[in-house]
Amino acid sequence: MELKNRSEVVFLYDVRDANPNGDPDENKPRMDEETEINIVTDVRLKRTIRDYLLNYKEKDVWIREEFEGKGTERKTREEKLDEVWEKFEIKNREEGSRKLLEQYIDLRLFGATIAGKKEKVKGEKVFTWVGPVQFNFGRSLHKVEPVLVKGTSVLPTEEKKAGGAFTEAWILPYSLISFYGVINENAAKTTKLREEDVNELLDGIWNGTKNLITRSKFGQVPRFLIRVVYNEGNYHIGDLDKKIKLLDIEGKEVDKDGKDGKALRSIQDVKLDVTELIDVLKRKSKKIKEIQIETNDDVVFVVEDVEAKGKTLMDALGKISELKEKVKMLNIEK
């Protein structure tokens, strides 16, 4: 089904004793040094989604690691495009654009700029699509402090054959990270994005995060996902992620009058105050078509000083007259 409505997405997940997104130099967790806030790039989130759709949902994605034959040399995007051109016997640029968008879900979601090498006509194999789905950088809802963990390996290195080597890894003891994104209905027309693709996107956000199993990413847990779908074209509230506050177990705001964010160690140390988020959704309810929500059962939400978990949050929202006909659980298989 064609995507006709704009929507906003907020996604919260946490990591424990892990590195959610290392920098390219020391592989330290990315940080805003001034605010001591943990940063995760949109590229990292998109990779999580792509990997899940490819490996678990068997969807074809354009941006992935591929190698030449049985060797170790990576294919370039140009080489891959030339292969697709020949495989599907594409005759012109228009046919190529249509086939690429039909074949690869990540091109429909995130767009891309790609070009081939063997161009019979200048510009024939140059494509640029603006992605309908755009995310900001993810940011932790509290201050964090990276920790360098040192150890030793059992297997020796070439230089030290008599014994194992020393190892080092940067981790965060805990980080609760918030991502914000917009799904634009106008750009969706260009990439032929469908509502079914957005359902796969949301599944990839939630379950892709849960299924990361590398050493530095293992233990990431999705905590809260909300998609607000609007009635009107060219309208969205904006900055929904800024309307969620992090409270300590005493109900005080973390890093302000409450607990030091660097001392947090688990989701049991905090509560999510979504009062301001719910208030703005109530005020703008006439512009909203639907509110889709997924929650983790361990999260304590606060709505106007009332605490709720999982289904009880849905029950609480269902009692709000402006929202009760609009709120629904996301159909994500956990």
Protein backbone atom coordinates (compact mmCIF):
# COMPACT_ATOMS: atom_id res chain seq x y z
CA MET A 1 0.00 0.00 0.00
CA GLU A 2 1.33 3.43 -0.97
CA LEU A 3 2.59 5.58 1.89
CA LYS A 4 0.42 8.70 2.06
CA ASN A 5 0.91 10.11 5.56
CA ARG A 6 3.87 11.74 7.26
CA SER A 7 4.96 10.28 10.58
CA GLU A 8 7.46 10.81 13.37
CA VAL A 9 9.37 8.07 15.16
CA VAL A 10 11.02 8.05 18.59
CA PHE A 11 13.06 5.01 19.62
CA LEU A 12 14.72 4.39 22.99
CA TYR A 13 17.12 1.54 23.73
CA ASP A 14 19.84 0.90 26.27
CA VAL A 15 23.24 -0.74 26.44
CA ARG A 16 25.08 -2.18 29.39
CA ASP A 17 28.85 -2.80 29.52
CA ALA A 18 29.05 -2.28 25.76
CA ASN A 19 30.09 0.21 23.08
CA PRO A 20 27.04 1.26 21.05
CA ASN A 21 29.03 3.14 18.39
CA GLY A 22 32.81 3.43 18.40
CA ASP A 23 34.73 6.30 16.80
CA PRO A 24 37.04 5.46 13.86
CA ASP A 25 40.27 6.29 15.72
CA GLU A 26 40.35 4.56 19.12
CA ASN A 27 36.95 2.83 18.88
CA LYS A 28 35.90 4.78 21.97
CA PRO A 29 32.16 5.39 22.42
CA ARG A 30 31.23 8.54 20.52
CA MET A 31 30.75 11.47 22.87
CA ASP A 32 29.71 15.10 22.98
CA GLU A 33 32.65 16.13 25.14
CA GLU A 34 31.00 19.36 26.33
CA THR A 35 27.82 17.75 27.66
CA GLU A 36 29.23 14.24 28.36
CA ILE A 37 26.37 12.79 26.34
CA ASN A 38 26.82 9.55 24.39
CA ILE A 39 26.24 9.85 20.62
CA VAL A 40 25.21 7.13 18.16
CA THR A 41 25.16 8.02 14.46
CA ASP A 42 22.17 7.49 12.20
CA VAL A 43 24.47 5.36 10.03
CA ARG A 44 24.86 2.88 12.92
CA LEU A 45 21.08 2.60 13.35
CA LYS A 46 20.55 2.14 9.61
CA ARG A 47 23.17 -0.62 9.57
CA THR A 48 21.33 -2.37 12.41
CA ILE A 49 18.12 -2.22 10.39
CA ARG A 50 19.75 -3.37 7.14
CA ASP A 51 21.53 -6.30 8.79
CA TYR A 52 18.31 -7.49 10.40
CA LEU A 53 16.26 -7.20 7.21
CA LEU A 54 18.95 -9.07 5.26
CA ASN A 55 19.83 -11.81 7.73
CA TYR A 56 16.51 -12.43 9.50
CA LYS A 57 13.81 -11.27 7.07
CA GLU A 58 15.64 -12.27 3.86
CA LYS A 59 15.10 -8.85 2.29
CA ASP A 60 17.51 -7.66 -0.37
CA VAL A 61 19.51 -4.59 0.70
CA TRP A 62 21.80 -2.50 -1.47
CA ILE A 63 24.33 -1.38 1.12
CA ARG A 64 26.04 -4.46 2.51
CA GLU A 65 29.46 -6.04 2.48
CA GLU A 66 30.11 -8.23 -0.57
CA PHE A 67 33.30 -9.77 -1.92
CA GLU A 68 34.69 -10.62 -5.35
CA GLY A 69 34.34 -14.35 -6.05
CA LYS A 70 35.92 -16.34 -3.22
CA GLY A 71 38.46 -13.65 -2.42
CA THR A 72 38.70 -11.00 0.28
CA GLU A 73 38.48 -7.92 -1.94
CA ARG A 74 35.27 -5.99 -1.39
CA LYS A 75 33.00 -5.11 -4.29
CA THR A 76 32.51 -1.41 -4.92
CA ARG A 77 29.05 0.09 -5.40
CA GLU A 78 30.01 0.86 -8.99
CA GLU A 79 30.88 -2.78 -9.68
CA LYS A 80 27.70 -3.94 -8.01
CA LEU A 81 25.58 -1.57 -10.09
CA ASP A 82 27.20 -2.82 -13.30
CA GLU A 83 26.42 -6.41 -12.25
CA VAL A 84 22.76 -5.56 -11.57
CA TRP A 85 22.55 -3.79 -14.93
CA GLU A 86 23.72 -6.94 -16.71
CA LYS A 87 21.81 -9.43 -14.52
CA PHE A 88 18.41 -7.84 -15.20
CA GLU A 89 19.31 -6.83 -18.78
CA ILE A 90 18.40 -3.23 -18.04
CA LYS A 91 18.12 -1.13 -21.19
CA ASN A 92 17.92 2.46 -19.92
CA ARG A 93 18.12 4.69 -16.85
CA GLU A 94 14.36 4.76 -16.21
CA GLU A 95 14.16 0.97 -16.21
CA GLY A 96 17.25 0.81 -14.00
CA SER A 97 15.75 3.17 -11.44
CA ARG A 98 12.52 1.19 -11.32
CA LYS A 99 14.31 -2.15 -10.94
CA LEU A 100 16.66 -0.95 -8.20
CA LEU A 101 13.81 0.48 -6.13
CA GLU A 102 11.75 -2.68 -6.59
CA GLN A 103 14.64 -4.92 -5.58
CA TYR A 104 16.21 -3.14 -2.57
CA ILE A 105 14.17 -2.14 0.48
CA ASP A 106 16.93 0.07 1.91
CA LEU A 107 16.90 2.24 -1.22
CA ARG A 108 13.17 2.77 -0.75
CA LEU A 109 13.68 3.60 2.94
CA PHE A 110 16.92 5.57 3.09
CA GLY A 111 17.67 6.57 -0.50
CA ALA A 112 21.22 6.65 -1.91
CA THR A 113 23.55 8.16 -4.48
CA ILE A 114 25.13 5.53 -6.73
CA ALA A 115 26.83 5.39 -10.11
CA GLY A 116 28.22 2.71 -12.42
CA LYS A 117 31.53 2.55 -14.28
CA LYS A 118 30.49 1.29 -17.70
CA GLU A 119 28.30 4.10 -18.98
CA LYS A 120 27.17 3.79 -22.58
CA VAL A 121 25.47 7.17 -22.27
CA LYS A 122 26.75 9.92 -19.97
CA GLY A 123 24.73 9.94 -16.76
CA GLU A 124 22.88 6.74 -17.67
CA LYS A 125 23.90 4.96 -14.49
CA VAL A 126 23.87 7.80 -11.98
CA PHE A 127 21.07 7.72 -9.41
CA THR A 128 20.21 9.96 -6.48
CA TRP A 129 17.22 9.35 -4.26
CA VAL A 130 16.49 11.39 -1.13
CA GLY A 131 15.50 8.91 1.56
CA PRO A 132 11.97 9.30 2.98
CA VAL A 133 13.26 7.98 6.34
CA GLN A 134 15.70 10.29 8.09
CA PHE A 135 17.08 10.00 11.64
CA ASN A 136 19.00 12.43 13.80
CA PHE A 137 22.01 11.19 15.75
CA GLY A 138 20.95 9.20 18.77
CA ARG A 139 21.81 10.78 22.12
CA SER A 140 21.82 9.37 25.62
CA LEU A 141 19.21 10.84 27.97
CA HIS A 142 21.89 11.27 30.64
CA LYS A 143 25.60 11.85 31.11
CA VAL A 144 27.90 8.86 30.66
CA GLU A 145 31.53 8.04 31.41
CA PRO A 146 33.49 5.68 29.12
CA VAL A 147 35.56 3.02 30.87
CA LEU A 148 38.68 1.33 29.45
CA VAL A 149 38.66 -2.39 30.26
CA LYS A 150 42.00 -4.19 30.01
CA GLY A 151 42.62 -7.92 29.78
CA THR A 152 44.74 -10.63 28.21
CA SER A 153 44.12 -13.16 25.47
CA VAL A 154 45.14 -16.82 25.70
CA LEU A 155 46.45 -17.13 22.14
CA PRO A 156 49.90 -15.59 21.57
CA THR A 157 50.69 -12.99 18.94
CA GLU A 158 53.47 -13.32 16.34
CA GLU A 159 55.66 -10.95 18.39
CA LYS A 160 55.05 -12.74 21.71
CA LYS A 161 54.77 -16.43 20.93
CA ALA A 162 55.42 -17.43 24.54
CA GLY A 163 52.20 -15.96 25.89
CA GLY A 164 48.97 -14.16 25.17
CA ALA A 165 48.56 -10.52 24.18
CA PHE A 166 47.14 -7.64 26.17
CA THR A 167 43.68 -6.45 25.11
CA GLU A 168 41.83 -3.19 25.62
CA ALA A 169 38.18 -2.30 25.05
CA TRP A 170 36.20 0.87 25.68
CA ILE A 171 32.71 0.40 27.12
CA LEU A 172 29.91 2.35 28.71
CA PRO A 173 28.64 0.87 32.00
CA TYR A 174 25.17 2.08 30.97
CA SER A 175 23.59 4.31 28.34
CA LEU A 176 19.90 4.90 27.56
CA ILE A 177 19.81 6.29 24.02
CA SER A 178 17.06 8.16 22.17
CA PHE A 179 16.67 8.36 18.38
CA TYR A 180 14.27 10.68 16.55
CA GLY A 181 13.21 10.36 12.92
CA VAL A 182 10.71 11.52 10.31
CA ILE A 183 9.12 9.51 7.51
CA ASN A 184 8.32 11.95 4.71
CA GLU A 185 5.40 11.16 2.43
CA ASN A 186 6.65 13.41 -0.40
CA ALA A 187 10.04 11.71 -0.70
CA ALA A 188 8.21 8.36 -0.45
CA LYS A 189 6.63 9.02 -3.85
CA THR A 190 10.06 9.13 -5.47
CA THR A 191 11.41 5.92 -3.91
CA LYS A 192 8.04 4.11 -4.07
CA LEU A 193 8.08 3.52 -0.30
CA ARG A 194 5.11 1.46 0.88
CA GLU A 195 3.40 1.16 4.25
CA GLU A 196 4.57 -2.48 4.34
CA ASP A 197 8.16 -1.22 4.09
CA VAL A 198 7.61 1.01 7.13
CA ASN A 199 6.33 -2.00 9.06
CA GLU A 200 9.58 -3.80 8.19
CA LEU A 201 11.52 -0.69 9.25
CA LEU A 202 9.89 -0.66 12.69
CA ASP A 203 10.51 -4.40 13.05
CA GLY A 204 14.15 -3.81 12.10
CA ILE A 205 14.53 -1.01 14.63
CA TRP A 206 13.14 -3.12 17.48
CA ASN A 207 14.31 -6.65 16.73
CA GLY A 208 17.45 -5.58 14.89
CA THR A 209 18.63 -3.88 18.08
CA LYS A 210 17.82 -7.01 20.09
CA ASN A 211 19.66 -9.30 17.68
CA LEU A 212 23.04 -7.55 17.64
CA ILE A 213 25.47 -10.20 18.84
CA THR A 214 28.96 -8.76 18.30
CA ARG A 215 31.08 -8.43 21.42
CA SER A 216 30.82 -4.63 21.56
CA LYS A 217 27.06 -4.51 20.82
CA PHE A 218 25.74 -7.56 22.69
CA GLY A 219 23.19 -6.76 25.37
CA GLN A 220 21.37 -3.89 23.67
CA VAL A 221 17.68 -3.86 24.59
CA PRO A 222 14.87 -1.93 22.87
CA ARG A 223 12.79 -0.10 25.49
CA PHE A 224 10.26 2.19 23.79
CA LEU A 225 9.14 2.82 20.21
CA ILE A 226 6.43 5.25 19.14
CA ARG A 227 5.28 6.24 15.67
CA VAL A 228 2.88 9.17 15.31
CA VAL A 229 1.05 9.15 11.95
CA TYR A 230 -0.56 12.42 10.80
CA ASN A 231 -3.70 13.15 8.81
CA GLU A 232 -2.45 16.24 7.01
CA GLY A 233 0.26 16.41 4.42
CA ASN A 234 3.35 18.53 5.10
CA TYR A 235 2.71 18.59 8.85
CA HIS A 236 4.40 17.10 11.89
CA ILE A 237 4.84 18.32 15.46
CA GLY A 238 8.63 17.93 15.55
CA ASP A 239 11.16 17.15 18.28
CA LEU A 240 9.00 14.54 20.01
CA ASP A 241 12.14 13.05 21.55
CA LYS A 242 12.71 16.27 23.49
CA LYS A 243 9.42 15.73 25.31
CA ILE A 244 10.60 12.69 27.27
CA LYS A 245 12.33 13.22 30.63
CA LEU A 246 14.51 10.75 32.48
CA LEU A 247 13.76 10.43 36.19
CA ASP A 248 15.56 8.51 38.90
CA ILE A 249 13.66 6.07 41.13
CA GLU A 250 12.85 8.92 43.52
CA GLY A 251 11.07 10.76 40.71
CA LYS A 252 13.71 13.48 40.30
CA GLU A 253 15.18 14.45 36.94
CA VAL A 254 18.51 12.74 36.25
CA ASP A 255 21.53 15.08 36.01
CA LYS A 256 19.50 17.98 37.42
CA ASP A 257 17.97 17.66 40.89
CA GLY A 258 18.18 13.86 40.77
CA LYS A 259 20.79 11.14 40.42
CA ASP A 260 24.05 11.62 38.52
CA GLY A 261 23.58 10.01 35.09
CA LYS A 262 27.07 8.51 35.24
CA ALA A 263 25.98 6.40 38.22
CA LEU A 264 23.12 4.70 36.35
CA ARG A 265 23.61 0.98 35.73
CA SER A 266 20.27 -0.43 34.50
CA ILE A 267 16.72 0.38 33.42
CA GLN A 268 15.66 -0.36 37.02
CA ASP A 269 17.47 2.83 38.07
CA VAL A 270 15.17 5.12 36.06
CA LYS A 271 11.64 6.03 34.98
CA LEU A 272 10.53 7.63 31.72
CA ASP A 273 8.33 10.69 32.19
CA VAL A 274 6.21 10.95 29.02
CA THR A 275 3.77 13.53 30.42
CA GLU A 276 4.93 16.32 28.10
CA LEU A 277 4.83 13.96 25.10
CA ILE A 278 1.27 12.86 25.88
CA ASP A 279 0.21 16.48 26.47
CA VAL A 280 1.36 17.63 23.03
CA LEU A 281 -0.28 14.61 21.37
CA LYS A 282 -3.55 15.50 23.14
CA ARG A 283 -3.35 19.13 21.98
CA LYS A 284 -2.63 18.11 18.38
CA SER A 285 -4.94 15.08 18.35
CA LYS A 286 -7.10 16.43 15.51
CA LYS A 287 -4.06 16.38 13.24
CA ILE A 288 -3.13 12.82 14.24
CA LYS A 289 -4.41 9.74 12.46
CA GLU A 290 -2.79 7.05 14.59
CA ILE A 291 -0.29 6.51 17.41
CA GLN A 292 1.59 3.20 17.27
CA ILE A 293 3.49 2.07 20.36
CA GLU A 294 5.77 -0.78 21.45
CA THR A 295 7.20 -1.04 24.96
CA ASN A 296 9.51 -3.23 26.99
CA ASP A 297 7.89 -4.67 30.12
CA ASP A 298 10.73 -3.54 32.40
CA VAL A 299 10.25 0.18 31.71
CA VAL A 300 8.36 2.30 34.23
CA PHE A 301 6.55 5.19 32.53
CA VAL A 302 5.23 8.26 34.32
CA VAL A 303 2.14 10.08 33.01
CA GLU A 304 1.06 13.01 35.20
CA ASP A 305 2.56 11.42 38.32
CA VAL A 306 0.88 8.06 37.61
CA GLU A 307 3.24 5.14 36.97
CA ALA A 308 2.54 2.52 34.31
CA LYS A 309 4.25 -0.45 32.63
CA GLY A 310 3.66 -2.09 29.26
CA LYS A 311 -0.04 -2.86 28.85
CA THR A 312 -0.97 -0.59 31.76
CA LEU A 313 0.52 2.32 29.79
CA MET A 314 -1.76 1.44 26.88
CA ASP A 315 -4.71 1.23 29.27
CA ALA A 316 -3.85 4.65 30.68
CA LEU A 317 -3.61 6.19 27.21
CA GLY A 318 -6.87 4.52 26.25
CA LYS A 319 -8.63 6.50 28.98
CA ILE A 320 -7.58 9.84 27.48
CA SER A 321 -10.57 10.93 25.40
CA GLU A 322 -8.50 12.71 22.74
CA LEU A 323 -6.30 9.65 22.14
CA LYS A 324 -8.30 6.53 22.96
CA GLU A 325 -9.40 5.88 19.36
CA LYS A 326 -5.94 6.53 17.96
CA VAL A 327 -3.55 4.52 20.16
CA LYS A 328 -2.64 0.96 19.14
CA MET A 329 0.16 -1.50 19.85
CA LEU A 330 2.63 -2.11 17.07
CA ASN A 331 2.36 -5.58 15.58
CA ILE A 332 5.99 -6.51 16.21
CA GLU A 333 6.86 -10.13 16.89
CA LYS A 334 9.18 -10.13 19.90
